Amino acid sequence: MGDRIAADLEREHAMLTSVRNRLRASEGEDFRTPTTALDQVLDELNSVERSPGDPR
């Protein structure tokens, strides 16, 4: 189950990165997007990838 969840989160991360890149391409490099969704996906991905005995 962990691998499946990690794969889903990796796909979501790739999609969010693509959206951010498209927005910057259309709006300019100075365009800043909120990172709340991306931060959440990365936090979830990191928690799934940690081993059960990982003290972090």
PDB file of N, CA and C in Angstrom:
ATOM      1  N   MET A   1       0.822  -1.188   0.000  1.00  0.00           N
ATOM      2  CA  MET A   1       0.000   0.000   0.000  1.00  0.00           C
ATOM      3  C   MET A   1       0.868   1.255   0.000  1.00  0.00           C
ATOM      4  N   GLY A   2       1.973   1.249   0.711  1.00  0.00           N
ATOM      5  CA  GLY A   2       2.845   2.409   0.771  1.00  0.00           C
ATOM      6  C   GLY A   2       3.386   2.807  -0.600  1.00  0.00           C
ATOM      7  N   ASP A   3       3.767   1.803  -1.409  1.00  0.00           N
ATOM      8  CA  ASP A   3       4.290   2.099  -2.740  1.00  0.00           C
ATOM      9  C   ASP A   3       3.223   2.741  -3.616  1.00  0.00           C
ATOM     10  N   ARG A   4       1.997   2.272  -3.483  1.00  0.00           N
ATOM     11  CA  ARG A   4       0.904   2.830  -4.274  1.00  0.00           C
ATOM     12  C   ARG A   4       0.632   4.272  -3.865  1.00  0.00           C
ATOM     13  N   ILE A   5       0.614   4.536  -2.578  1.00  0.00           N
ATOM     14  CA  ILE A   5       0.393   5.894  -2.098  1.00  0.00           C
ATOM     15  C   ILE A   5       1.540   6.791  -2.541  1.00  0.00           C
ATOM     16  N   ALA A   6       2.773   6.314  -2.415  1.00  0.00           N
ATOM     17  CA  ALA A   6       3.930   7.094  -2.843  1.00  0.00           C
ATOM     18  C   ALA A   6       3.849   7.407  -4.333  1.00  0.00           C
ATOM     19  N   ALA A   7       3.451   6.442  -5.133  1.00  0.00           N
ATOM     20  CA  ALA A   7       3.325   6.658  -6.574  1.00  0.00           C
ATOM     21  C   ALA A   7       2.253   7.707  -6.878  1.00  0.00           C
ATOM     22  N   ASP A   8       1.132   7.635  -6.157  1.00  0.00           N
ATOM     23  CA  ASP A   8       0.073   8.630  -6.342  1.00  0.00           C
ATOM     24  C   ASP A   8       0.567  10.027  -5.986  1.00  0.00           C
ATOM     25  N   LEU A   9       1.303  10.134  -4.883  1.00  0.00           N
ATOM     26  CA  LEU A   9       1.824  11.427  -4.459  1.00  0.00           C
ATOM     27  C   LEU A   9       2.878  11.950  -5.435  1.00  0.00           C
ATOM     28  N   GLU A  10       3.684  11.059  -5.972  1.00  0.00           N
ATOM     29  CA  GLU A  10       4.680  11.477  -6.960  1.00  0.00           C
ATOM     30  C   GLU A  10       4.004  11.996  -8.228  1.00  0.00           C
ATOM     31  N   ARG A  11       2.923  11.354  -8.656  1.00  0.00           N
ATOM     32  CA  ARG A  11       2.170  11.840  -9.823  1.00  0.00           C
ATOM     33  C   ARG A  11       1.548  13.207  -9.540  1.00  0.00           C
ATOM     34  N   GLU A  12       1.010  13.369  -8.320  1.00  0.00           N
ATOM     35  CA  GLU A  12       0.423  14.649  -7.947  1.00  0.00           C
ATOM     36  C   GLU A  12       1.494  15.737  -7.908  1.00  0.00           C
ATOM     37  N   HIS A  13       2.646  15.415  -7.379  1.00  0.00           N
ATOM     38  CA  HIS A  13       3.760  16.364  -7.334  1.00  0.00           C
ATOM     39  C   HIS A  13       4.158  16.773  -8.755  1.00  0.00           C
ATOM     40  N   ALA A  14       4.266  15.811  -9.651  1.00  0.00           N
ATOM     41  CA  ALA A  14       4.626  16.105 -11.038  1.00  0.00           C
ATOM     42  C   ALA A  14       3.581  17.000 -11.699  1.00  0.00           C
ATOM     43  N   MET A  15       2.305  16.747 -11.424  1.00  0.00           N
ATOM     44  CA  MET A  15       1.235  17.559 -11.994  1.00  0.00           C
ATOM     45  C   MET A  15       1.308  18.986 -11.469  1.00  0.00           C
ATOM     46  N   LEU A  16       1.522  19.154 -10.156  1.00  0.00           N
ATOM     47  CA  LEU A  16       1.611  20.499  -9.582  1.00  0.00           C
ATOM     48  C   LEU A  16       2.827  21.252 -10.117  1.00  0.00           C
ATOM     49  N   THR A  17       3.926  20.546 -10.305  1.00  0.00           N
ATOM     50  CA  THR A  17       5.120  21.169 -10.865  1.00  0.00           C
ATOM     51  C   THR A  17       4.858  21.622 -12.293  1.00  0.00           C
ATOM     52  N   SER A  18       4.166  20.804 -13.056  1.00  0.00           N
ATOM     53  CA  SER A  18       3.822  21.158 -14.427  1.00  0.00           C
ATOM     54  C   SER A  18       2.923  22.396 -14.480  1.00  0.00           C
ATOM     55  N   VAL A  19       1.937  22.442 -13.610  1.00  0.00           N
ATOM     56  CA  VAL A  19       1.036  23.605 -13.563  1.00  0.00           C
ATOM     57  C   VAL A  19       1.824  24.859 -13.213  1.00  0.00           C
ATOM     58  N   ARG A  20       2.684  24.768 -12.214  1.00  0.00           N
ATOM     59  CA  ARG A  20       3.497  25.926 -11.818  1.00  0.00           C
ATOM     60  C   ARG A  20       4.381  26.379 -12.977  1.00  0.00           C
ATOM     61  N   ASN A  21       4.999  25.455 -13.692  1.00  0.00           N
ATOM     62  CA  ASN A  21       5.847  25.806 -14.825  1.00  0.00           C
ATOM     63  C   ASN A  21       5.050  26.472 -15.948  1.00  0.00           C
ATOM     64  N   ARG A  22       3.856  25.987 -16.181  1.00  0.00           N
ATOM     65  CA  ARG A  22       3.004  26.591 -17.226  1.00  0.00           C
ATOM     66  C   ARG A  22       2.577  28.003 -16.842  1.00  0.00           C
ATOM     67  N   LEU A  23       2.247  28.195 -15.565  1.00  0.00           N
ATOM     68  CA  LEU A  23       1.878  29.534 -15.107  1.00  0.00           C
ATOM     69  C   LEU A  23       3.057  30.497 -15.253  1.00  0.00           C
ATOM     70  N   ARG A  24       4.223  30.056 -14.882  1.00  0.00           N
ATOM     71  CA  ARG A  24       5.398  30.920 -15.030  1.00  0.00           C
ATOM     72  C   ARG A  24       5.696  31.216 -16.492  1.00  0.00           C
ATOM     73  N   ALA A  25       5.496  30.235 -17.362  1.00  0.00           N
ATOM     74  CA  ALA A  25       5.738  30.444 -18.791  1.00  0.00           C
ATOM     75  C   ALA A  25       4.763  31.477 -19.361  1.00  0.00           C
ATOM     76  N   SER A  26       3.527  31.451 -18.907  1.00  0.00           N
ATOM     77  CA  SER A  26       2.539  32.383 -19.455  1.00  0.00           C
ATOM     78  C   SER A  26       2.547  33.736 -18.755  1.00  0.00           C
ATOM     79  N   GLU A  27       2.906  33.763 -17.472  1.00  0.00           N
ATOM     80  CA  GLU A  27       2.845  35.000 -16.694  1.00  0.00           C
ATOM     81  C   GLU A  27       4.212  35.654 -16.488  1.00  0.00           C
ATOM     82  N   GLY A  28       5.276  34.934 -16.763  1.00  0.00           N
ATOM     83  CA  GLY A  28       6.621  35.478 -16.567  1.00  0.00           C
ATOM     84  C   GLY A  28       7.294  34.853 -15.356  1.00  0.00           C
ATOM     85  N   GLU A  29       8.614  34.905 -15.358  1.00  0.00           N
ATOM     86  CA  GLU A  29       9.404  34.276 -14.298  1.00  0.00           C
ATOM     87  C   GLU A  29       9.156  34.878 -12.919  1.00  0.00           C
ATOM     88  N   ASP A  30       8.730  36.130 -12.873  1.00  0.00           N
ATOM     89  CA  ASP A  30       8.488  36.783 -11.584  1.00  0.00           C
ATOM     90  C   ASP A  30       7.163  36.373 -10.951  1.00  0.00           C
ATOM     91  N   PHE A  31       6.328  35.649 -11.699  1.00  0.00           N
ATOM     92  CA  PHE A  31       5.030  35.211 -11.175  1.00  0.00           C
ATOM     93  C   PHE A  31       5.254  34.185 -10.075  1.00  0.00           C
ATOM     94  N   ARG A  32       4.661  34.427  -8.939  1.00  0.00           N
ATOM     95  CA  ARG A  32       4.793  33.521  -7.799  1.00  0.00           C
ATOM     96  C   ARG A  32       3.443  32.901  -7.490  1.00  0.00           C
ATOM     97  N   THR A  33       3.468  31.590  -7.319  1.00  0.00           N
ATOM     98  CA  THR A  33       2.241  30.873  -6.998  1.00  0.00           C
ATOM     99  C   THR A  33       2.296  30.432  -5.539  1.00  0.00           C
ATOM    100  N   PRO A  34       1.146  30.347  -4.886  1.00  0.00           N
ATOM    101  CA  PRO A  34       1.137  29.824  -3.517  1.00  0.00           C
ATOM    102  C   PRO A  34       1.647  28.376  -3.518  1.00  0.00           C
ATOM    103  N   THR A  35       2.378  28.015  -2.506  1.00  0.00           N
ATOM    104  CA  THR A  35       2.969  26.673  -2.469  1.00  0.00           C
ATOM    105  C   THR A  35       2.284  25.747  -1.478  1.00  0.00           C
ATOM    106  N   THR A  36       1.155  26.150  -0.947  1.00  0.00           N
ATOM    107  CA  THR A  36       0.489  25.352   0.075  1.00  0.00           C
ATOM    108  C   THR A  36       0.209  23.928  -0.403  1.00  0.00           C
ATOM    109  N   ALA A  37      -0.366  23.775  -1.591  1.00  0.00           N
ATOM    110  CA  ALA A  37      -0.692  22.437  -2.095  1.00  0.00           C
ATOM    111  C   ALA A  37       0.574  21.624  -2.331  1.00  0.00           C
ATOM    112  N   LEU A  38       1.583  22.251  -2.913  1.00  0.00           N
ATOM    113  CA  LEU A  38       2.835  21.549  -3.166  1.00  0.00           C
ATOM    114  C   LEU A  38       3.501  21.134  -1.862  1.00  0.00           C
ATOM    115  N   ASP A  39       3.500  22.024  -0.877  1.00  0.00           N
ATOM    116  CA  ASP A  39       4.071  21.696   0.431  1.00  0.00           C
ATOM    117  C   ASP A  39       3.365  20.501   1.061  1.00  0.00           C
ATOM    118  N   GLN A  40       2.050  20.458   0.952  1.00  0.00           N
ATOM    119  CA  GLN A  40       1.288  19.356   1.537  1.00  0.00           C
ATOM    120  C   GLN A  40       1.641  18.038   0.855  1.00  0.00           C
ATOM    121  N   VAL A  41       1.717  18.044  -0.465  1.00  0.00           N
ATOM    122  CA  VAL A  41       2.057  16.818  -1.195  1.00  0.00           C
ATOM    123  C   VAL A  41       3.453  16.341  -0.810  1.00  0.00           C
ATOM    124  N   LEU A  42       4.414  17.268  -0.730  1.00  0.00           N
ATOM    125  CA  LEU A  42       5.770  16.878  -0.359  1.00  0.00           C
ATOM    126  C   LEU A  42       5.823  16.337   1.068  1.00  0.00           C
ATOM    127  N   ASP A  43       5.084  16.962   1.987  1.00  0.00           N
ATOM    128  CA  ASP A  43       5.045  16.458   3.366  1.00  0.00           C
ATOM    129  C   ASP A  43       4.472  15.047   3.421  1.00  0.00           C
ATOM    130  N   GLU A  44       3.398  14.812   2.678  1.00  0.00           N
ATOM    131  CA  GLU A  44       2.787  13.482   2.661  1.00  0.00           C
ATOM    132  C   GLU A  44       3.732  12.461   2.029  1.00  0.00           C
ATOM    133  N   LEU A  45       4.378  12.852   0.933  1.00  0.00           N
ATOM    134  CA  LEU A  45       5.308  11.945   0.263  1.00  0.00           C
ATOM    135  C   LEU A  45       6.468  11.597   1.193  1.00  0.00           C
ATOM    136  N   ASN A  46       6.998  12.580   1.878  1.00  0.00           N
ATOM    137  CA  ASN A  46       8.096  12.324   2.811  1.00  0.00           C
ATOM    138  C   ASN A  46       7.664  11.414   3.952  1.00  0.00           C
ATOM    139  N   SER A  47       6.460  11.584   4.459  1.00  0.00           N
ATOM    140  CA  SER A  47       6.006  10.734   5.560  1.00  0.00           C
ATOM    141  C   SER A  47       5.784   9.293   5.097  1.00  0.00           C
ATOM    142  N   VAL A  48       5.353   9.095   3.859  1.00  0.00           N
ATOM    143  CA  VAL A  48       5.142   7.753   3.327  1.00  0.00           C
ATOM    144  C   VAL A  48       6.480   7.069   3.073  1.00  0.00           C
ATOM    145  N   GLU A  49       7.471   7.823   2.606  1.00  0.00           N
ATOM    146  CA  GLU A  49       8.758   7.237   2.250  1.00  0.00           C
ATOM    147  C   GLU A  49       9.604   6.882   3.469  1.00  0.00           C
ATOM    148  N   ARG A  50       9.311   7.457   4.619  1.00  0.00           N
ATOM    149  CA  ARG A  50      10.075   7.140   5.834  1.00  0.00           C
ATOM    150  C   ARG A  50       9.777   5.714   6.281  1.00  0.00           C
ATOM    151  N   SER A  51      10.781   5.064   6.747  1.00  0.00           N
ATOM    152  CA  SER A  51      10.575   3.720   7.265  1.00  0.00           C
ATOM    153  C   SER A  51       9.894   3.813   8.636  1.00  0.00           C
ATOM    154  N   PRO A  52       9.200   2.775   9.064  1.00  0.00           N
ATOM    155  CA  PRO A  52       8.517   2.805  10.368  1.00  0.00           C
ATOM    156  C   PRO A  52       9.457   3.063  11.536  1.00  0.00           C
ATOM    157  N   GLY A  53      10.711   2.678  11.442  1.00  0.00           N
ATOM    158  CA  GLY A  53      11.658   2.879  12.542  1.00  0.00           C
ATOM    159  C   GLY A  53      12.422   4.195  12.436  1.00  0.00           C
ATOM    160  N   ASP A  54      12.100   5.016  11.450  1.00  0.00           N
ATOM    161  CA  ASP A  54      12.794   6.291  11.252  1.00  0.00           C
ATOM    162  C   ASP A  54      12.382   7.284  12.348  1.00  0.00           C
ATOM    163  N   PRO A  55      13.337   7.798  13.109  1.00  0.00           N
ATOM    164  CA  PRO A  55      12.991   8.686  14.225  1.00  0.00           C
ATOM    165  C   PRO A  55      12.583  10.085  13.811  1.00  0.00           C
ATOM    166  N   ARG A  56      12.670  10.467  12.544  1.00  0.00           N
ATOM    167  CA  ARG A  56      12.314  11.827  12.125  1.00  0.00           C
ATOM    168  C   ARG A  56      10.877  12.135  12.336  1.00  0.00           C
TER     169      ARG A  56
END
